[in-house]
């Protein structure tokens, strides 16, 4: 099973909006399996995934149900107290 977000549920922004924000990490992957926030890039632009995500076993997954996220992740940032910064 994989998880994808329907086009009508996306709020798209130019990728530069996230890449130029220093709180997003685009150069490395998380080193532990703690939940993080990610933004993804698709053909229309980029958007923040509306739920916590973990990176484990070489795949991005929904933190609660472990369903694989099928998307091009452009960056990630740590959650603060389980919430986005």
Protein backbone atom coordinates (compact mmCIF):
# COMPACT_ATOMS: atom_id res chain seq x y z
CA UNK A 1 0.00 0.00 0.00
CA UNK A 2 1.22 3.52 -0.78
CA UNK A 3 -0.06 6.96 0.09
CA UNK A 4 -0.51 9.80 -2.36
CA UNK A 5 -2.36 13.09 -2.02
CA UNK A 6 -5.06 13.87 -4.60
CA UNK A 7 -4.42 16.95 -6.75
CA UNK A 8 -7.44 18.77 -5.33
CA UNK A 9 -6.03 18.51 -1.76
CA UNK A 10 -2.64 20.04 -2.57
CA UNK A 11 -1.63 23.62 -1.87
CA UNK A 12 1.21 24.13 -4.33
CA UNK A 13 4.04 26.63 -3.98
CA UNK A 14 7.21 27.21 -5.99
CA UNK A 15 9.97 24.88 -4.66
CA UNK A 16 12.16 27.92 -3.91
CA UNK A 17 9.79 28.88 -1.10
CA UNK A 18 10.99 25.84 0.85
CA UNK A 19 14.53 25.40 -0.48
CA UNK A 20 15.49 28.97 0.45
CA UNK A 21 14.14 28.54 3.99
CA UNK A 22 17.06 27.50 6.24
CA UNK A 23 14.82 25.37 8.48
CA UNK A 24 14.46 22.76 5.67
CA UNK A 25 17.21 20.18 5.19
CA UNK A 26 17.68 19.18 1.55
CA UNK A 27 21.27 17.93 1.79
CA UNK A 28 20.91 14.81 3.93
CA UNK A 29 18.46 12.28 5.29
CA UNK A 30 17.32 11.94 8.91
CA UNK A 31 19.66 9.65 10.86
CA UNK A 32 17.00 8.25 13.16
CA UNK A 33 13.41 7.15 12.72
CA UNK A 34 11.88 10.13 14.49
CA UNK A 35 8.92 11.83 12.80
CA UNK A 36 9.73 14.85 10.65
CA UNK A 37 7.87 17.25 8.39
CA UNK A 38 8.58 17.02 4.64
CA UNK A 39 7.82 18.99 1.54
CA UNK A 40 7.47 17.26 -1.79
CA UNK A 41 7.90 18.43 -5.37
CA UNK A 42 5.62 17.41 -8.21
CA UNK A 43 4.74 18.65 -11.68
CA UNK A 44 2.70 21.56 -10.30
CA UNK A 45 5.13 22.86 -7.67
CA UNK A 46 5.72 21.85 -4.09
CA UNK A 47 3.71 21.40 -0.93
CA UNK A 48 4.09 20.31 2.69
CA UNK A 49 2.78 16.85 3.55
CA UNK A 50 0.05 17.41 6.18
CA UNK A 51 1.15 14.61 8.53
CA UNK A 52 4.39 13.54 10.25
CA UNK A 53 6.68 11.31 8.17
CA UNK A 54 9.56 8.99 9.09
CA UNK A 55 12.48 7.83 6.96
CA UNK A 56 13.26 4.17 7.60
CA UNK A 57 14.63 1.28 5.58
CA UNK A 58 15.34 3.63 2.67
CA UNK A 59 11.75 4.86 2.32
CA UNK A 60 9.65 7.79 3.48
CA UNK A 61 6.56 6.59 5.40
CA UNK A 62 3.56 8.04 7.20
CA UNK A 63 4.64 8.13 10.87
CA UNK A 64 1.35 6.74 12.19
CA UNK A 65 0.44 3.92 9.84
CA UNK A 66 3.87 3.33 8.18
CA UNK A 67 2.34 3.47 4.69
CA UNK A 68 4.98 4.40 2.09
CA UNK A 69 4.90 7.96 0.75
CA UNK A 70 5.27 7.91 -3.02
CA UNK A 71 6.55 11.38 -3.84
CA UNK A 72 9.78 13.24 -4.53
CA UNK A 73 10.77 14.64 -1.15
CA UNK A 74 12.49 17.99 -1.58
CA UNK A 75 13.41 18.54 2.07
CA UNK A 76 12.63 17.76 5.67
CA UNK A 77 12.81 19.42 9.08
CA UNK A 78 12.51 18.22 12.65
CA UNK A 79 9.25 18.50 14.47
CA UNK A 80 9.29 20.47 17.72
CA UNK A 81 7.35 18.69 20.47
CA UNK A 82 5.70 16.56 17.81
CA UNK A 83 4.53 19.59 15.87
CA UNK A 84 5.87 21.56 12.96
CA UNK A 85 8.03 24.58 13.84
